[in-house]
PDB file of N, CA and C in Angstrom:
ATOM      1  N   MET A   1      73.696  18.414-148.623  1.00  0.00           N
ATOM      2  CA  MET A   1      74.645  17.465-148.083  1.00  0.00           C
ATOM      3  C   MET A   1      75.923  18.242-147.776  1.00  0.00           C
ATOM      4  N   SER A   2      76.474  17.979-146.615  1.00  0.00           N
ATOM      5  CA  SER A   2      77.693  18.680-146.208  1.00  0.00           C
ATOM      6  C   SER A   2      78.927  18.045-146.854  1.00  0.00           C
ATOM      7  N   GLU A   3      80.027  18.757-146.803  1.00  0.00           N
ATOM      8  CA  GLU A   3      81.287  18.232-147.339  1.00  0.00           C
ATOM      9  C   GLU A   3      81.699  16.957-146.594  1.00  0.00           C
ATOM     10  N   ASP A   4      81.451  16.926-145.284  1.00  0.00           N
ATOM     11  CA  ASP A   4      81.779  15.746-144.491  1.00  0.00           C
ATOM     12  C   ASP A   4      80.961  14.536-144.949  1.00  0.00           C
ATOM     13  N   ASP A   5      79.691  14.776-145.286  1.00  0.00           N
ATOM     14  CA  ASP A   5      78.838  13.684-145.768  1.00  0.00           C
ATOM     15  C   ASP A   5      79.326  13.171-147.122  1.00  0.00           C
ATOM     16  N   VAL A   6      79.753  14.066-147.979  1.00  0.00           N
ATOM     17  CA  VAL A   6      80.290  13.655-149.290  1.00  0.00           C
ATOM     18  C   VAL A   6      81.542  12.810-149.090  1.00  0.00           C
ATOM     19  N   ALA A   7      82.424  13.247-148.210  1.00  0.00           N
ATOM     20  CA  ALA A   7      83.653  12.490-147.929  1.00  0.00           C
ATOM     21  C   ALA A   7      83.326  11.121-147.331  1.00  0.00           C
ATOM     22  N   TRP A   8      82.346  11.089-146.423  1.00  0.00           N
ATOM     23  CA  TRP A   8      81.936   9.830-145.803  1.00  0.00           C
ATOM     24  C   TRP A   8      81.388   8.862-146.851  1.00  0.00           C
ATOM     25  N   LEU A   9      80.533   9.385-147.728  1.00  0.00           N
ATOM     26  CA  LEU A   9      79.932   8.556-148.768  1.00  0.00           C
ATOM     27  C   LEU A   9      80.995   8.037-149.725  1.00  0.00           C
ATOM     28  N   ASP A  10      81.941   8.876-150.087  1.00  0.00           N
ATOM     29  CA  ASP A  10      83.001   8.430-150.990  1.00  0.00           C
ATOM     30  C   ASP A  10      83.867   7.369-150.328  1.00  0.00           C
ATOM     31  N   GLU A  11      84.155   7.542-149.059  1.00  0.00           N
ATOM     32  CA  GLU A  11      84.979   6.572-148.330  1.00  0.00           C
ATOM     33  C   GLU A  11      84.291   5.215-148.213  1.00  0.00           C
ATOM     34  N   HIS A  12      82.988   5.211-147.939  1.00  0.00           N
ATOM     35  CA  HIS A  12      82.271   3.961-147.705  1.00  0.00           C
ATOM     36  C   HIS A  12      81.683   3.326-148.952  1.00  0.00           C
ATOM     37  N   VAL A  13      81.368   4.126-149.966  1.00  0.00           N
ATOM     38  CA  VAL A  13      80.660   3.587-151.126  1.00  0.00           C
ATOM     39  C   VAL A  13      81.287   4.009-152.451  1.00  0.00           C
ATOM     40  N   GLY A  14      81.521   5.298-152.634  1.00  0.00           N
ATOM     41  CA  GLY A  14      81.894   5.837-153.939  1.00  0.00           C
ATOM     42  C   GLY A  14      83.286   5.497-154.417  1.00  0.00           C
ATOM     43  N   HIS A  15      84.254   5.580-153.547  1.00  0.00           N
ATOM     44  CA  HIS A  15      85.652   5.288-153.855  1.00  0.00           C
ATOM     45  C   HIS A  15      86.155   6.047-155.080  1.00  0.00           C
ATOM     46  N   GLY A  16      85.610   7.260-155.307  1.00  0.00           N
ATOM     47  CA  GLY A  16      86.080   8.096-156.409  1.00  0.00           C
ATOM     48  C   GLY A  16      85.672   7.624-157.786  1.00  0.00           C
ATOM     49  N   ASN A  17      84.769   6.667-157.866  1.00  0.00           N
ATOM     50  CA  ASN A  17      84.365   6.093-159.145  1.00  0.00           C
ATOM     51  C   ASN A  17      82.969   6.580-159.514  1.00  0.00           C
ATOM     52  N   PHE A  18      82.821   7.184-160.697  1.00  0.00           N
ATOM     53  CA  PHE A  18      81.538   7.754-161.104  1.00  0.00           C
ATOM     54  C   PHE A  18      80.434   6.705-161.143  1.00  0.00           C
ATOM     55  N   ARG A  19      80.703   5.545-161.704  1.00  0.00           N
ATOM     56  CA  ARG A  19      79.670   4.501-161.785  1.00  0.00           C
ATOM     57  C   ARG A  19      79.250   4.028-160.400  1.00  0.00           C
ATOM     58  N   THR A  20      80.184   3.962-159.489  1.00  0.00           N
ATOM     59  CA  THR A  20      79.860   3.556-158.124  1.00  0.00           C
ATOM     60  C   THR A  20      79.029   4.630-157.434  1.00  0.00           C
ATOM     61  N   TRP A  21      79.279   5.898-157.731  1.00  0.00           N
ATOM     62  CA  TRP A  21      78.500   6.994-157.162  1.00  0.00           C
ATOM     63  C   TRP A  21      77.068   6.985-157.684  1.00  0.00           C
ATOM     64  N   ALA A  22      76.835   6.452-158.866  1.00  0.00           N
ATOM     65  CA  ALA A  22      75.484   6.427-159.438  1.00  0.00           C
ATOM     66  C   ALA A  22      74.543   5.585-158.587  1.00  0.00           C
ATOM     67  N   LYS A  23      75.048   4.521-157.994  1.00  0.00           N
ATOM     68  CA  LYS A  23      74.201   3.639-157.183  1.00  0.00           C
ATOM     69  C   LYS A  23      73.641   4.352-155.951  1.00  0.00           C
ATOM     70  N   PRO A  24      74.490   4.961-155.102  1.00  0.00           N
ATOM     71  CA  PRO A  24      73.898   5.648-153.945  1.00  0.00           C
ATOM     72  C   PRO A  24      73.041   6.842-154.356  1.00  0.00           C
ATOM     73  N   THR A  25      73.387   7.489-155.464  1.00  0.00           N
ATOM     74  CA  THR A  25      72.574   8.605-155.942  1.00  0.00           C
ATOM     75  C   THR A  25      71.168   8.122-156.270  1.00  0.00           C
ATOM     76  N   SER A  26      71.075   6.989-156.935  1.00  0.00           N
ATOM     77  CA  SER A  26      69.774   6.415-157.271  1.00  0.00           C
ATOM     78  C   SER A  26      68.987   6.057-156.014  1.00  0.00           C
ATOM     79  N   HIS A  27      69.654   5.460-155.044  1.00  0.00           N
ATOM     80  CA  HIS A  27      68.982   5.077-153.802  1.00  0.00           C
ATOM     81  C   HIS A  27      68.579   6.300-152.978  1.00  0.00           C
ATOM     82  N   LEU A  28      69.404   7.346-152.990  1.00  0.00           N
ATOM     83  CA  LEU A  28      69.030   8.579-152.287  1.00  0.00           C
ATOM     84  C   LEU A  28      67.801   9.207-152.924  1.00  0.00           C
ATOM     85  N   THR A  29      67.733   9.154-154.251  1.00  0.00           N
ATOM     86  CA  THR A  29      66.563   9.672-154.952  1.00  0.00           C
ATOM     87  C   THR A  29      65.327   8.889-154.548  1.00  0.00           C
ATOM     88  N   ALA A  30      65.449   7.561-154.495  1.00  0.00           N
ATOM     89  CA  ALA A  30      64.314   6.713-154.113  1.00  0.00           C
ATOM     90  C   ALA A  30      63.900   6.969-152.662  1.00  0.00           C
ATOM     91  N   GLU A  31      64.872   7.127-151.765  1.00  0.00           N
ATOM     92  CA  GLU A  31      64.574   7.369-150.348  1.00  0.00           C
ATOM     93  C   GLU A  31      63.856   8.695-150.144  1.00  0.00           C
ATOM     94  N   SER A  32      64.202   9.699-150.956  1.00  0.00           N
ATOM     95  CA  SER A  32      63.625  11.026-150.752  1.00  0.00           C
ATOM     96  C   SER A  32      62.395  11.286-151.614  1.00  0.00           C
ATOM     97  N   TYR A  33      62.047  10.365-152.508  1.00  0.00           N
ATOM     98  CA  TYR A  33      60.902  10.554-153.392  1.00  0.00           C
ATOM     99  C   TYR A  33      59.609  10.735-152.594  1.00  0.00           C
ATOM    100  N   GLY A  34      58.843  11.719-152.967  1.00  0.00           N
ATOM    101  CA  GLY A  34      57.558  11.953-152.324  1.00  0.00           C
ATOM    102  C   GLY A  34      57.619  12.810-151.086  1.00  0.00           C
ATOM    103  N   ARG A  35      58.781  13.126-150.627  1.00  0.00           N
ATOM    104  CA  ARG A  35      58.903  14.017-149.469  1.00  0.00           C
ATOM    105  C   ARG A  35      58.832  15.455-149.965  1.00  0.00           C
ATOM    106  N   SER A  36      58.095  16.260-149.278  1.00  0.00           N
ATOM    107  CA  SER A  36      57.914  17.632-149.742  1.00  0.00           C
ATOM    108  C   SER A  36      59.221  18.429-149.669  1.00  0.00           C
ATOM    109  N   ARG A  37      60.046  18.099-148.706  1.00  0.00           N
ATOM    110  CA  ARG A  37      61.305  18.830-148.560  1.00  0.00           C
ATOM    111  C   ARG A  37      62.375  17.858-148.064  1.00  0.00           C
ATOM    112  N   ALA A  38      62.930  17.114-148.984  1.00  0.00           N
ATOM    113  CA  ALA A  38      63.923  16.108-148.611  1.00  0.00           C
ATOM    114  C   ALA A  38      65.257  16.775-148.274  1.00  0.00           C
ATOM    115  N   VAL A  39      65.804  16.382-147.151  1.00  0.00           N
ATOM    116  CA  VAL A  39      67.119  16.856-146.743  1.00  0.00           C
ATOM    117  C   VAL A  39      68.037  15.646-146.697  1.00  0.00           C
ATOM    118  N   VAL A  40      69.123  15.732-147.436  1.00  0.00           N
ATOM    119  CA  VAL A  40      70.079  14.628-147.427  1.00  0.00           C
ATOM    120  C   VAL A  40      71.016  14.856-146.253  1.00  0.00           C
ATOM    121  N   ASP A  41      70.889  13.989-145.255  1.00  0.00           N
ATOM    122  CA  ASP A  41      71.744  14.050-144.087  1.00  0.00           C
ATOM    123  C   ASP A  41      72.357  12.662-143.874  1.00  0.00           C
ATOM    124  N   ARG A  42      73.125  12.525-142.819  1.00  0.00           N
ATOM    125  CA  ARG A  42      73.819  11.252-142.582  1.00  0.00           C
ATOM    126  C   ARG A  42      72.840  10.103-142.406  1.00  0.00           C
ATOM    127  N   ARG A  43      71.695  10.347-141.762  1.00  0.00           N
ATOM    128  CA  ARG A  43      70.701   9.294-141.570  1.00  0.00           C
ATOM    129  C   ARG A  43      70.181   8.785-142.919  1.00  0.00           C
ATOM    130  N   LEU A  44      69.875   9.698-143.815  1.00  0.00           N
ATOM    131  CA  LEU A  44      69.387   9.310-145.132  1.00  0.00           C
ATOM    132  C   LEU A  44      70.483   8.610-145.924  1.00  0.00           C
ATOM    133  N   LEU A  45      71.716   9.076-145.799  1.00  0.00           N
ATOM    134  CA  LEU A  45      72.841   8.404-146.470  1.00  0.00           C
ATOM    135  C   LEU A  45      72.993   6.976-145.974  1.00  0.00           C
ATOM    136  N   GLU A  46      72.905   6.789-144.668  1.00  0.00           N
ATOM    137  CA  GLU A  46      73.044   5.450-144.104  1.00  0.00           C
ATOM    138  C   GLU A  46      71.904   4.537-144.546  1.00  0.00           C
ATOM    139  N   GLN A  47      70.686   5.066-144.656  1.00  0.00           N
ATOM    140  CA  GLN A  47      69.558   4.262-145.142  1.00  0.00           C
ATOM    141  C   GLN A  47      69.799   3.828-146.580  1.00  0.00           C
ATOM    142  N   ALA A  48      70.223   4.753-147.417  1.00  0.00           N
ATOM    143  CA  ALA A  48      70.469   4.430-148.824  1.00  0.00           C
ATOM    144  C   ALA A  48      71.617   3.429-148.956  1.00  0.00           C
ATOM    145  N   CYS A  49      72.668   3.608-148.201  1.00  0.00           N
ATOM    146  CA  CYS A  49      73.811   2.693-148.269  1.00  0.00           C
ATOM    147  C   CYS A  49      73.444   1.317-147.747  1.00  0.00           C
ATOM    148  N   ALA A  50      72.582   1.253-146.752  1.00  0.00           N
ATOM    149  CA  ALA A  50      72.141  -0.053-146.220  1.00  0.00           C
ATOM    150  C   ALA A  50      71.404  -0.842-147.275  1.00  0.00           C
ATOM    151  N   ARG A  51      70.706  -0.137-148.153  1.00  0.00           N
ATOM    152  CA  ARG A  51      70.011  -0.836-149.241  1.00  0.00           C
ATOM    153  C   ARG A  51      71.023  -1.427-150.222  1.00  0.00           C
ATOM    154  N   LEU A  52      72.188  -0.820-150.321  1.00  0.00           N
ATOM    155  CA  LEU A  52      73.218  -1.299-151.240  1.00  0.00           C
ATOM    156  C   LEU A  52      74.057  -2.437-150.661  1.00  0.00           C
ATOM    157  N   MET A  53      74.451  -2.288-149.392  1.00  0.00           N
ATOM    158  CA  MET A  53      75.435  -3.227-148.856  1.00  0.00           C
ATOM    159  C   MET A  53      75.168  -3.712-147.445  1.00  0.00           C
ATOM    160  N   GLY A  54      74.040  -3.391-146.897  1.00  0.00           N
ATOM    161  CA  GLY A  54      73.766  -3.765-145.524  1.00  0.00           C
ATOM    162  C   GLY A  54      74.218  -2.674-144.580  1.00  0.00           C
ATOM    163  N   PRO A  55      73.931  -2.802-143.289  1.00  0.00           N
ATOM    164  CA  PRO A  55      74.277  -1.751-142.312  1.00  0.00           C
ATOM    165  C   PRO A  55      75.763  -1.476-142.259  1.00  0.00           C
ATOM    166  N   LEU A  56      76.105  -0.198-142.077  1.00  0.00           N
ATOM    167  CA  LEU A  56      77.520   0.176-141.952  1.00  0.00           C
ATOM    168  C   LEU A  56      77.908   0.268-140.506  1.00  0.00           C
TER     169      LEU A  56
END
């Protein structure tokens, strides 16, 4: 994940709060489970965040 993706995720979901960051982390893990080589990119971040709060 790039620095820009981390900043984007914090702005839209994390808000600097560790407990809030745990939610997208869990969803990213679920989204990438079973993939032989999961790459966390903006598309995967948006999919995980949509599961939390709907489309951004």
